[in-house]
Amino acid sequence: MKPDPERIDDEAPEWTAQMNAQAITLKELPTTLQAKLKAGRPPAKGP
């Protein structure tokens, strides 16, 4: 799939092979960080 040029910029570049090689899975993170990421965003307080 070709990258969408509208969605790529300097702040969010397409991942390189080196970036993919350095990436880790969720299970490789500390358990405290895993829990925070799995909990997600808290619910909105209302309008």
C-alpha atoms as a PDB file:
ATOM      1  CA  MET A   1       0.000   0.000   0.000  1.00  0.00           C
ATOM      2  CA  LYS A   2       1.313   3.434  -0.888  1.00  0.00           C
ATOM      3  CA  PRO A   3       1.515   6.012   1.920  1.00  0.00           C
ATOM      4  CA  ASP A   4      -1.012   8.842   1.837  1.00  0.00           C
ATOM      5  CA  PRO A   5       1.051  12.047   1.350  1.00  0.00           C
ATOM      6  CA  GLU A   6      -1.648  14.039   3.156  1.00  0.00           C
ATOM      7  CA  ARG A   7      -1.025  12.073   6.366  1.00  0.00           C
ATOM      8  CA  ILE A   8       2.804  12.132   6.446  1.00  0.00           C
ATOM      9  CA  ASP A   9       4.663  15.137   7.816  1.00  0.00           C
ATOM     10  CA  ASP A  10       7.825  15.953   9.780  1.00  0.00           C
ATOM     11  CA  GLU A  11       6.072  15.348  13.117  1.00  0.00           C
ATOM     12  CA  ALA A  12       4.719  11.926  12.092  1.00  0.00           C
ATOM     13  CA  PRO A  13       7.040  10.400   9.473  1.00  0.00           C
ATOM     14  CA  GLU A  14       6.551   6.949   7.997  1.00  0.00           C
ATOM     15  CA  TRP A  15       8.339   4.270  10.014  1.00  0.00           C
ATOM     16  CA  THR A  16      11.687   3.070   8.686  1.00  0.00           C
ATOM     17  CA  ALA A  17      13.089  -0.467   8.848  1.00  0.00           C
ATOM     18  CA  GLN A  18      15.317   0.649  11.743  1.00  0.00           C
ATOM     19  CA  MET A  19      12.323   2.010  13.684  1.00  0.00           C
ATOM     20  CA  ASN A  20      10.479  -1.283  13.172  1.00  0.00           C
ATOM     21  CA  ALA A  21      13.524  -3.226  14.372  1.00  0.00           C
ATOM     22  CA  GLN A  22      13.696  -1.142  17.566  1.00  0.00           C
ATOM     23  CA  ALA A  23       9.962  -1.340  18.314  1.00  0.00           C
ATOM     24  CA  ILE A  24       8.847  -3.472  21.254  1.00  0.00           C
ATOM     25  CA  THR A  25       5.557  -5.155  22.072  1.00  0.00           C
ATOM     26  CA  LEU A  26       3.271  -4.273  24.939  1.00  0.00           C
ATOM     27  CA  LYS A  27       4.375  -7.397  26.808  1.00  0.00           C
ATOM     28  CA  GLU A  28       7.974  -6.135  26.795  1.00  0.00           C
ATOM     29  CA  LEU A  29       7.033  -2.952  28.704  1.00  0.00           C
ATOM     30  CA  PRO A  30       7.058  -2.752  32.516  1.00  0.00           C
ATOM     31  CA  THR A  31       3.843  -4.137  34.021  1.00  0.00           C
ATOM     32  CA  THR A  32       2.907  -0.790  35.596  1.00  0.00           C
ATOM     33  CA  LEU A  33       3.044   0.911  32.194  1.00  0.00           C
ATOM     34  CA  GLN A  34       1.132  -1.963  30.597  1.00  0.00           C
ATOM     35  CA  ALA A  35      -1.664  -1.480  33.128  1.00  0.00           C
ATOM     36  CA  LYS A  36      -1.876   2.253  32.433  1.00  0.00           C
ATOM     37  CA  LEU A  37      -2.000   1.732  28.675  1.00  0.00           C
ATOM     38  CA  LYS A  38      -4.604  -1.036  28.940  1.00  0.00           C
ATOM     39  CA  ALA A  39      -6.811   1.077  31.228  1.00  0.00           C
ATOM     40  CA  GLY A  40      -7.208   3.616  28.439  1.00  0.00           C
ATOM     41  CA  ARG A  41      -8.631   7.061  28.645  1.00  0.00           C
ATOM     42  CA  PRO A  42     -10.956   7.920  31.526  1.00  0.00           C
ATOM     43  CA  PRO A  43     -14.601   8.616  30.652  1.00  0.00           C
ATOM     44  CA  ALA A  44     -15.674  12.189  29.890  1.00  0.00           C
ATOM     45  CA  LYS A  45     -17.281  14.097  32.760  1.00  0.00           C
ATOM     46  CA  GLY A  46     -20.200  15.214  30.630  1.00  0.00           C
ATOM     47  CA  PRO A  47     -21.184  18.184  28.497  1.00  0.00           C
END
